[in-house]
Amino acid sequence: MTYFGARVFIVRMAEFFGDLSISESMGKLYGPIARRITALAMLVSLLSNVVVQLQVILEVIHFALPGLPSSIGYWLPFITGALLLDLLRKKACLSACG
């Protein structure tokens, strides 16, 4: 069943080779309005995933550090994330620059 399904889907997906996103494929089929709607739906979906992850991180911080004031606890994931992104950016720059 898997082989047959793969053979059917591969043939039908040939027109989408080269597209970088689902919204680009939708834009090819249905026009720019469908492309924008699809991009907006994907953005809302991804943002909801990020919100859930931040809520879990906050719960873990409050569980691990119960005496921490909530004003600091709420900003801790954002500060940590910003520092990690900065470190990754610097590492990418160093590897690209030589």
Protein backbone atom coordinates (compact mmCIF):
# COMPACT_ATOMS: atom_id res chain seq x y z
CA MET A 1 0.00 0.00 0.00
CA THR A 2 2.81 2.42 0.83
CA TYR A 3 4.58 1.85 -2.48
CA PHE A 4 1.38 2.36 -4.44
CA GLY A 5 0.51 5.52 -2.49
CA ALA A 6 3.99 6.92 -3.01
CA ARG A 7 3.83 6.26 -6.75
CA VAL A 8 0.48 8.06 -7.01
CA PHE A 9 1.55 11.08 -4.94
CA ILE A 10 4.91 11.48 -6.67
CA VAL A 11 3.26 11.73 -10.07
CA ARG A 12 0.72 14.27 -8.83
CA MET A 13 3.33 16.41 -7.04
CA ALA A 14 5.50 16.93 -10.12
CA GLU A 15 3.95 20.34 -10.83
CA PHE A 16 5.00 21.59 -7.38
CA PHE A 17 8.70 20.78 -7.64
CA GLY A 18 10.69 23.92 -7.00
CA ASP A 19 8.10 25.52 -4.72
CA LEU A 20 9.51 26.53 -1.35
CA SER A 21 6.24 26.65 0.59
CA ILE A 22 2.67 25.46 0.60
CA SER A 23 1.49 29.01 0.03
CA GLU A 24 3.59 29.23 -3.13
CA SER A 25 1.91 26.09 -4.46
CA MET A 26 -1.51 27.45 -3.54
CA GLY A 27 -0.63 30.69 -5.31
CA LYS A 28 0.17 28.75 -8.48
CA LEU A 29 -3.15 26.95 -8.37
CA TYR A 30 -5.60 29.53 -7.04
CA GLY A 31 -3.96 32.94 -7.27
CA PRO A 32 -2.47 35.54 -4.92
CA ILE A 33 -5.41 35.75 -2.52
CA ALA A 34 -5.22 32.03 -1.74
CA ARG A 35 -1.47 32.42 -1.31
CA ARG A 36 -1.95 35.15 1.29
CA ILE A 37 -4.66 33.22 3.13
CA THR A 38 -2.46 30.11 3.25
CA ALA A 39 0.54 32.10 4.47
CA LEU A 40 -1.58 33.75 7.18
CA ALA A 41 -3.00 30.39 8.29
CA MET A 42 0.49 28.90 8.51
CA LEU A 43 1.72 31.93 10.47
CA VAL A 44 -1.12 31.61 12.99
CA SER A 45 -0.43 27.89 13.32
CA LEU A 46 3.28 28.40 13.94
CA LEU A 47 2.69 31.24 16.40
CA SER A 48 0.27 29.08 18.38
CA ASN A 49 2.98 26.41 18.62
CA VAL A 50 5.46 29.00 19.90
CA VAL A 51 2.95 30.22 22.49
CA VAL A 52 2.45 26.70 23.80
CA GLN A 53 6.21 26.18 24.02
CA LEU A 54 6.64 29.43 25.94
CA GLN A 55 3.87 28.44 28.35
CA VAL A 56 5.58 25.13 29.03
CA ILE A 57 8.93 26.87 29.54
CA LEU A 58 7.32 29.29 32.01
CA GLU A 59 5.72 26.43 33.94
CA VAL A 60 9.07 24.63 34.15
CA ILE A 61 10.79 27.81 35.36
CA HIS A 62 8.14 28.39 38.04
CA PHE A 63 8.39 24.75 39.10
CA ALA A 64 12.20 24.73 39.19
CA LEU A 65 12.58 28.15 40.82
CA PRO A 66 9.54 28.63 43.07
CA GLY A 67 10.98 31.64 44.91
CA LEU A 68 11.65 33.58 41.72
CA PRO A 69 9.47 36.68 41.36
CA SER A 70 7.00 36.35 38.52
CA SER A 71 8.18 39.59 36.90
CA ILE A 72 11.62 38.03 36.35
CA GLY A 73 10.23 34.60 35.54
CA TYR A 74 8.16 35.91 32.64
CA TRP A 75 11.11 37.61 30.96
CA LEU A 76 13.64 34.81 31.54
CA PRO A 77 12.68 32.72 28.45
CA PHE A 78 12.79 35.77 26.19
CA ILE A 79 16.18 36.87 27.49
CA THR A 80 17.57 33.35 27.21
CA GLY A 81 16.17 32.99 23.69
CA ALA A 82 17.65 36.32 22.62
CA LEU A 83 21.06 35.32 23.98
CA LEU A 84 20.92 31.96 22.22
CA LEU A 85 19.93 33.57 18.93
CA ASP A 86 22.77 36.05 19.28
CA LEU A 87 25.26 33.24 19.94
CA LEU A 88 23.98 31.28 16.94
CA ARG A 89 24.21 34.38 14.76
CA LYS A 90 27.80 35.00 15.85
CA LYS A 91 28.71 31.35 15.27
CA ALA A 92 27.19 31.46 11.77
CA CYS A 93 29.07 34.67 11.01
CA LEU A 94 32.35 33.19 12.20
CA SER A 95 31.92 30.04 10.13
CA ALA A 96 30.88 32.02 7.04
CA CYS A 97 33.61 34.63 7.38
CA GLY A 98 36.33 32.10 7.67
